[in-house]
Every structure is written in structure tokens, then in C-alpha cells.
Amino acid sequence: MTRTYIGKPVTRLEDRRLLTGAGSYIDDVKLPGMSTMAILRSPYAHARIRSIDLEAARAMEGVIDA
């Protein structure tokens, strides 16, 4: 039996789960001892960073490394 899918809509199996809020996303995963991080990007394209003062970040509670 040959099936042809060309020109026909294909029902994605995960759609109902994701649209109803029952799906899992990578951001939903929490593992023991897991850390999170933040990245700060420059608002200036091709800018050169001359120095970064990390003392305030290092003094914050919960900061592992900066």
C-alpha cells in the first residue's frame, strides 16, 4: 500500500500536547544541582570591550563564577 503525502497537510503528533499546555519544553527540565546562567550582549555592533568590572556580580548571593 503506497501513501502519498505531497500536497496534503501532515498532522504533527506533538501539536495537541504543546497547544494544550501539556507538553514539556527544555526550560521545564530541572535537575538536581543544575545551575543557570545569563549572557549580557552589547547593544553596540562590533564594539570592543576594554574592561569589565565583575566585583558587583561576584558579591551577589548565589553567583558561582563571574
PDB file of N, CA and C in Angstrom:
ATOM      1  N   MET A   1       0.844  -1.172   0.000  1.00  0.00           N
ATOM      2  CA  MET A   1       0.000   0.000   0.000  1.00  0.00           C
ATOM      3  C   MET A   1       0.893   1.240   0.000  1.00  0.00           C
ATOM      4  N   THR A   2       0.740   2.077  -0.998  1.00  0.00           N
ATOM      5  CA  THR A   2       1.536   3.293  -1.129  1.00  0.00           C
ATOM      6  C   THR A   2       0.728   4.491  -0.654  1.00  0.00           C
ATOM      7  N   ARG A   3       1.369   5.327   0.167  1.00  0.00           N
ATOM      8  CA  ARG A   3       0.709   6.551   0.640  1.00  0.00           C
ATOM      9  C   ARG A   3       1.398   7.751   0.031  1.00  0.00           C
ATOM     10  N   THR A   4       0.628   8.736  -0.349  1.00  0.00           N
ATOM     11  CA  THR A   4       1.177   9.964  -0.900  1.00  0.00           C
ATOM     12  C   THR A   4       0.854  11.119   0.029  1.00  0.00           C
ATOM     13  N   TYR A   5       1.884  11.843   0.443  1.00  0.00           N
ATOM     14  CA  TYR A   5       1.703  12.979   1.343  1.00  0.00           C
ATOM     15  C   TYR A   5       1.945  14.310   0.642  1.00  0.00           C
ATOM     16  N   ILE A   6       2.378  14.277  -0.592  1.00  0.00           N
ATOM     17  CA  ILE A   6       2.670  15.503  -1.327  1.00  0.00           C
ATOM     18  C   ILE A   6       1.386  16.286  -1.539  1.00  0.00           C
ATOM     19  N   GLY A   7       1.425  17.562  -1.137  1.00  0.00           N
ATOM     20  CA  GLY A   7       0.268  18.431  -1.312  1.00  0.00           C
ATOM     21  C   GLY A   7      -0.805  18.264  -0.259  1.00  0.00           C
ATOM     22  N   LYS A   8      -0.565  17.425   0.737  1.00  0.00           N
ATOM     23  CA  LYS A   8      -1.550  17.194   1.791  1.00  0.00           C
ATOM     24  C   LYS A   8      -0.989  17.669   3.129  1.00  0.00           C
ATOM     25  N   PRO A   9      -1.848  18.189   3.994  1.00  0.00           N
ATOM     26  CA  PRO A   9      -1.364  18.591   5.315  1.00  0.00           C
ATOM     27  C   PRO A   9      -0.965  17.366   6.134  1.00  0.00           C
ATOM     28  N   VAL A  10       0.071  17.526   6.921  1.00  0.00           N
ATOM     29  CA  VAL A  10       0.539  16.442   7.774  1.00  0.00           C
ATOM     30  C   VAL A  10       0.269  16.839   9.220  1.00  0.00           C
ATOM     31  N   THR A  11      -0.479  16.029   9.919  1.00  0.00           N
ATOM     32  CA  THR A  11      -0.771  16.298  11.319  1.00  0.00           C
ATOM     33  C   THR A  11       0.448  15.957  12.158  1.00  0.00           C
ATOM     34  N   ARG A  12       0.930  16.955  12.880  1.00  0.00           N
ATOM     35  CA  ARG A  12       2.082  16.722  13.754  1.00  0.00           C
ATOM     36  C   ARG A  12       1.592  16.116  15.058  1.00  0.00           C
ATOM     37  N   LEU A  13       2.249  15.079  15.500  1.00  0.00           N
ATOM     38  CA  LEU A  13       1.820  14.351  16.687  1.00  0.00           C
ATOM     39  C   LEU A  13       1.930  15.173  17.965  1.00  0.00           C
ATOM     40  N   GLU A  14       2.891  16.098  18.013  1.00  0.00           N
ATOM     41  CA  GLU A  14       3.111  16.850  19.242  1.00  0.00           C
ATOM     42  C   GLU A  14       2.242  18.101  19.368  1.00  0.00           C
ATOM     43  N   ASP A  15       1.543  18.503  18.319  1.00  0.00           N
ATOM     44  CA  ASP A  15       0.783  19.758  18.344  1.00  0.00           C
ATOM     45  C   ASP A  15      -0.235  19.827  19.471  1.00  0.00           C
ATOM     46  N   ARG A  16      -1.083  18.845  19.613  1.00  0.00           N
ATOM     47  CA  ARG A  16      -2.139  18.891  20.629  1.00  0.00           C
ATOM     48  C   ARG A  16      -1.532  19.032  22.029  1.00  0.00           C
ATOM     49  N   ARG A  17      -0.498  18.271  22.286  1.00  0.00           N
ATOM     50  CA  ARG A  17       0.161  18.306  23.599  1.00  0.00           C
ATOM     51  C   ARG A  17       0.738  19.695  23.890  1.00  0.00           C
ATOM     52  N   LEU A  18       1.396  20.298  22.904  1.00  0.00           N
ATOM     53  CA  LEU A  18       2.009  21.604  23.113  1.00  0.00           C
ATOM     54  C   LEU A  18       0.972  22.715  23.192  1.00  0.00           C
ATOM     55  N   LEU A  19      -0.053  22.646  22.373  1.00  0.00           N
ATOM     56  CA  LEU A  19      -1.073  23.694  22.357  1.00  0.00           C
ATOM     57  C   LEU A  19      -1.973  23.674  23.583  1.00  0.00           C
ATOM     58  N   THR A  20      -2.097  22.541  24.236  1.00  0.00           N
ATOM     59  CA  THR A  20      -2.932  22.453  25.435  1.00  0.00           C
ATOM     60  C   THR A  20      -2.132  22.673  26.715  1.00  0.00           C
ATOM     61  N   GLY A  21      -0.832  22.924  26.585  1.00  0.00           N
ATOM     62  CA  GLY A  21      -0.001  23.179  27.758  1.00  0.00           C
ATOM     63  C   GLY A  21       0.499  21.928  28.441  1.00  0.00           C
ATOM     64  N   ALA A  22       0.262  20.772  27.852  1.00  0.00           N
ATOM     65  CA  ALA A  22       0.683  19.514  28.465  1.00  0.00           C
ATOM     66  C   ALA A  22       2.084  19.093  28.026  1.00  0.00           C
ATOM     67  N   GLY A  23       2.643  19.788  27.058  1.00  0.00           N
ATOM     68  CA  GLY A  23       3.959  19.420  26.547  1.00  0.00           C
ATOM     69  C   GLY A  23       5.076  19.871  27.461  1.00  0.00           C
ATOM     70  N   SER A  24       6.240  19.284  27.301  1.00  0.00           N
ATOM     71  CA  SER A  24       7.426  19.662  28.062  1.00  0.00           C
ATOM     72  C   SER A  24       8.404  20.363  27.138  1.00  0.00           C
ATOM     73  N   TYR A  25       8.962  21.436  27.643  1.00  0.00           N
ATOM     74  CA  TYR A  25       9.981  22.177  26.917  1.00  0.00           C
ATOM     75  C   TYR A  25      11.290  22.041  27.682  1.00  0.00           C
ATOM     76  N   ILE A  26      12.400  22.310  27.025  1.00  0.00           N
ATOM     77  CA  ILE A  26      13.699  22.167  27.671  1.00  0.00           C
ATOM     78  C   ILE A  26      13.797  23.068  28.894  1.00  0.00           C
ATOM     79  N   ASP A  27      13.112  24.202  28.886  1.00  0.00           N
ATOM     80  CA  ASP A  27      13.152  25.116  30.028  1.00  0.00           C
ATOM     81  C   ASP A  27      12.387  24.560  31.229  1.00  0.00           C
ATOM     82  N   ASP A  28      11.563  23.540  31.016  1.00  0.00           N
ATOM     83  CA  ASP A  28      10.817  22.911  32.109  1.00  0.00           C
ATOM     84  C   ASP A  28      11.659  21.898  32.882  1.00  0.00           C
ATOM     85  N   VAL A  29      12.805  21.520  32.346  1.00  0.00           N
ATOM     86  CA  VAL A  29      13.640  20.490  32.967  1.00  0.00           C
ATOM     87  C   VAL A  29      14.448  21.104  34.108  1.00  0.00           C
ATOM     88  N   LYS A  30      14.333  20.530  35.286  1.00  0.00           N
ATOM     89  CA  LYS A  30      15.100  20.958  36.457  1.00  0.00           C
ATOM     90  C   LYS A  30      15.792  19.729  37.032  1.00  0.00           C
ATOM     91  N   LEU A  31      17.116  19.723  37.006  1.00  0.00           N
ATOM     92  CA  LEU A  31      17.893  18.599  37.512  1.00  0.00           C
ATOM     93  C   LEU A  31      18.566  18.980  38.827  1.00  0.00           C
ATOM     94  N   PRO A  32      18.817  18.021  39.707  1.00  0.00           N
ATOM     95  CA  PRO A  32      19.487  18.317  40.972  1.00  0.00           C
ATOM     96  C   PRO A  32      20.867  18.926  40.726  1.00  0.00           C
ATOM     97  N   GLY A  33      21.171  20.010  41.420  1.00  0.00           N
ATOM     98  CA  GLY A  33      22.475  20.655  41.288  1.00  0.00           C
ATOM     99  C   GLY A  33      22.641  21.471  40.021  1.00  0.00           C
ATOM    100  N   MET A  34      21.571  21.634  39.265  1.00  0.00           N
ATOM    101  CA  MET A  34      21.651  22.354  37.997  1.00  0.00           C
ATOM    102  C   MET A  34      21.814  23.856  38.233  1.00  0.00           C
ATOM    103  N   SER A  35      22.657  24.480  37.448  1.00  0.00           N
ATOM    104  CA  SER A  35      22.868  25.924  37.515  1.00  0.00           C
ATOM    105  C   SER A  35      22.262  26.579  36.289  1.00  0.00           C
ATOM    106  N   THR A  36      21.999  27.857  36.390  1.00  0.00           N
ATOM    107  CA  THR A  36      21.543  28.627  35.238  1.00  0.00           C
ATOM    108  C   THR A  36      22.559  29.729  34.982  1.00  0.00           C
ATOM    109  N   MET A  37      22.478  30.319  33.827  1.00  0.00           N
ATOM    110  CA  MET A  37      23.405  31.396  33.503  1.00  0.00           C
ATOM    111  C   MET A  37      22.695  32.478  32.715  1.00  0.00           C
ATOM    112  N   ALA A  38      23.310  33.619  32.673  1.00  0.00           N
ATOM    113  CA  ALA A  38      22.785  34.735  31.895  1.00  0.00           C
ATOM    114  C   ALA A  38      23.915  35.287  31.044  1.00  0.00           C
ATOM    115  N   ILE A  39      23.570  35.720  29.861  1.00  0.00           N
ATOM    116  CA  ILE A  39      24.544  36.313  28.951  1.00  0.00           C
ATOM    117  C   ILE A  39      24.107  37.735  28.672  1.00  0.00           C
ATOM    118  N   LEU A  40      25.013  38.661  28.824  1.00  0.00           N
ATOM    119  CA  LEU A  40      24.734  40.061  28.523  1.00  0.00           C
ATOM    120  C   LEU A  40      25.407  40.399  27.210  1.00  0.00           C
ATOM    121  N   ARG A  41      24.607  40.838  26.262  1.00  0.00           N
ATOM    122  CA  ARG A  41      25.152  41.184  24.949  1.00  0.00           C
ATOM    123  C   ARG A  41      25.253  42.689  24.819  1.00  0.00           C
ATOM    124  N   SER A  42      26.246  43.123  24.102  1.00  0.00           N
ATOM    125  CA  SER A  42      26.450  44.553  23.880  1.00  0.00           C
ATOM    126  C   SER A  42      25.390  45.095  22.935  1.00  0.00           C
ATOM    127  N   PRO A  43      24.863  46.277  23.220  1.00  0.00           N
ATOM    128  CA  PRO A  43      23.914  46.895  22.296  1.00  0.00           C
ATOM    129  C   PRO A  43      24.616  47.531  21.092  1.00  0.00           C
ATOM    130  N   TYR A  44      25.953  47.492  21.091  1.00  0.00           N
ATOM    131  CA  TYR A  44      26.728  48.117  20.026  1.00  0.00           C
ATOM    132  C   TYR A  44      27.388  47.048  19.162  1.00  0.00           C
ATOM    133  N   ALA A  45      27.064  47.042  17.889  1.00  0.00           N
ATOM    134  CA  ALA A  45      27.638  46.060  16.969  1.00  0.00           C
ATOM    135  C   ALA A  45      29.136  46.295  16.807  1.00  0.00           C
ATOM    136  N   HIS A  46      29.909  45.242  16.841  1.00  0.00           N
ATOM    137  CA  HIS A  46      31.356  45.261  16.615  1.00  0.00           C
ATOM    138  C   HIS A  46      32.115  46.096  17.636  1.00  0.00           C
ATOM    139  N   ALA A  47      31.515  46.358  18.795  1.00  0.00           N
ATOM    140  CA  ALA A  47      32.198  47.132  19.836  1.00  0.00           C
ATOM    141  C   ALA A  47      33.306  46.286  20.455  1.00  0.00           C
ATOM    142  N   ARG A  48      34.340  46.943  20.908  1.00  0.00           N
ATOM    143  CA  ARG A  48      35.439  46.262  21.597  1.00  0.00           C
ATOM    144  C   ARG A  48      35.293  46.511  23.095  1.00  0.00           C
ATOM    145  N   ILE A  49      35.307  45.436  23.858  1.00  0.00           N
ATOM    146  CA  ILE A  49      35.209  45.545  25.306  1.00  0.00           C
ATOM    147  C   ILE A  49      36.607  45.803  25.845  1.00  0.00           C
ATOM    148  N   ARG A  50      36.766  46.912  26.530  1.00  0.00           N
ATOM    149  CA  ARG A  50      38.082  47.274  27.063  1.00  0.00           C
ATOM    150  C   ARG A  50      38.276  46.775  28.483  1.00  0.00           C
ATOM    151  N   SER A  51      37.202  46.735  29.255  1.00  0.00           N
ATOM    152  CA  SER A  51      37.312  46.215  30.619  1.00  0.00           C
ATOM    153  C   SER A  51      35.925  45.851  31.130  1.00  0.00           C
ATOM    154  N   ILE A  52      35.900  44.956  32.108  1.00  0.00           N
ATOM    155  CA  ILE A  52      34.649  44.550  32.743  1.00  0.00           C
ATOM    156  C   ILE A  52      34.897  44.499  34.247  1.00  0.00           C
ATOM    157  N   ASP A  53      34.056  45.182  35.015  1.00  0.00           N
ATOM    158  CA  ASP A  53      34.154  45.151  36.471  1.00  0.00           C
ATOM    159  C   ASP A  53      33.177  44.093  36.977  1.00  0.00           C
ATOM    160  N   LEU A  54      33.695  42.979  37.448  1.00  0.00           N
ATOM    161  CA  LEU A  54      32.871  41.852  37.880  1.00  0.00           C
ATOM    162  C   LEU A  54      32.647  41.807  39.384  1.00  0.00           C
ATOM    163  N   GLU A  55      33.176  42.749  40.130  1.00  0.00           N
ATOM    164  CA  GLU A  55      33.084  42.703  41.593  1.00  0.00           C
ATOM    165  C   GLU A  55      31.640  42.699  42.081  1.00  0.00           C
ATOM    166  N   ALA A  56      30.774  43.519  41.505  1.00  0.00           N
ATOM    167  CA  ALA A  56      29.369  43.564  41.937  1.00  0.00           C
ATOM    168  C   ALA A  56      28.685  42.226  41.670  1.00  0.00           C
ATOM    169  N   ALA A  57      28.980  41.617  40.530  1.00  0.00           N
ATOM    170  CA  ALA A  57      28.377  40.321  40.197  1.00  0.00           C
ATOM    171  C   ALA A  57      28.878  39.237  41.145  1.00  0.00           C
ATOM    172  N   ARG A  58      30.166  39.236  41.425  1.00  0.00           N
ATOM    173  CA  ARG A  58      30.736  38.220  42.317  1.00  0.00           C
ATOM    174  C   ARG A  58      30.208  38.342  43.740  1.00  0.00           C
ATOM    175  N   ALA A  59      29.828  39.550  44.151  1.00  0.00           N
ATOM    176  CA  ALA A  59      29.335  39.780  45.511  1.00  0.00           C
ATOM    177  C   ALA A  59      27.883  39.338  45.687  1.00  0.00           C
ATOM    178  N   MET A  60      27.175  39.076  44.596  1.00  0.00           N
ATOM    179  CA  MET A  60      25.765  38.692  44.684  1.00  0.00           C
ATOM    180  C   MET A  60      25.618  37.267  45.201  1.00  0.00           C
ATOM    181  N   GLU A  61      24.579  37.055  45.996  1.00  0.00           N
ATOM    182  CA  GLU A  61      24.302  35.731  46.548  1.00  0.00           C
ATOM    183  C   GLU A  61      23.961  34.748  45.426  1.00  0.00           C
ATOM    184  N   GLY A  62      24.549  33.575  45.472  1.00  0.00           N
ATOM    185  CA  GLY A  62      24.244  32.531  44.506  1.00  0.00           C
ATOM    186  C   GLY A  62      25.128  32.523  43.274  1.00  0.00           C
ATOM    187  N   VAL A  63      25.961  33.539  43.095  1.00  0.00           N
ATOM    188  CA  VAL A  63      26.840  33.582  41.923  1.00  0.00           C
ATOM    189  C   VAL A  63      27.966  32.572  42.129  1.00  0.00           C
ATOM    190  N   ILE A  64      28.131  31.673  41.186  1.00  0.00           N
ATOM    191  CA  ILE A  64      29.153  30.630  41.277  1.00  0.00           C
ATOM    192  C   ILE A  64      30.480  31.141  40.743  1.00  0.00           C
ATOM    193  N   ASP A  65      30.441  31.802  39.589  1.00  0.00           N
ATOM    194  CA  ASP A  65      31.656  32.327  38.976  1.00  0.00           C
ATOM    195  C   ASP A  65      31.273  33.463  38.052  1.00  0.00           C
ATOM    196  N   ALA A  66      32.153  34.414  37.943  1.00  0.00           N
ATOM    197  CA  ALA A  66      31.919  35.541  37.031  1.00  0.00           C
ATOM    198  C   ALA A  66      33.236  35.939  36.430  1.00  0.00           C
TER     199      ALA A  66
END
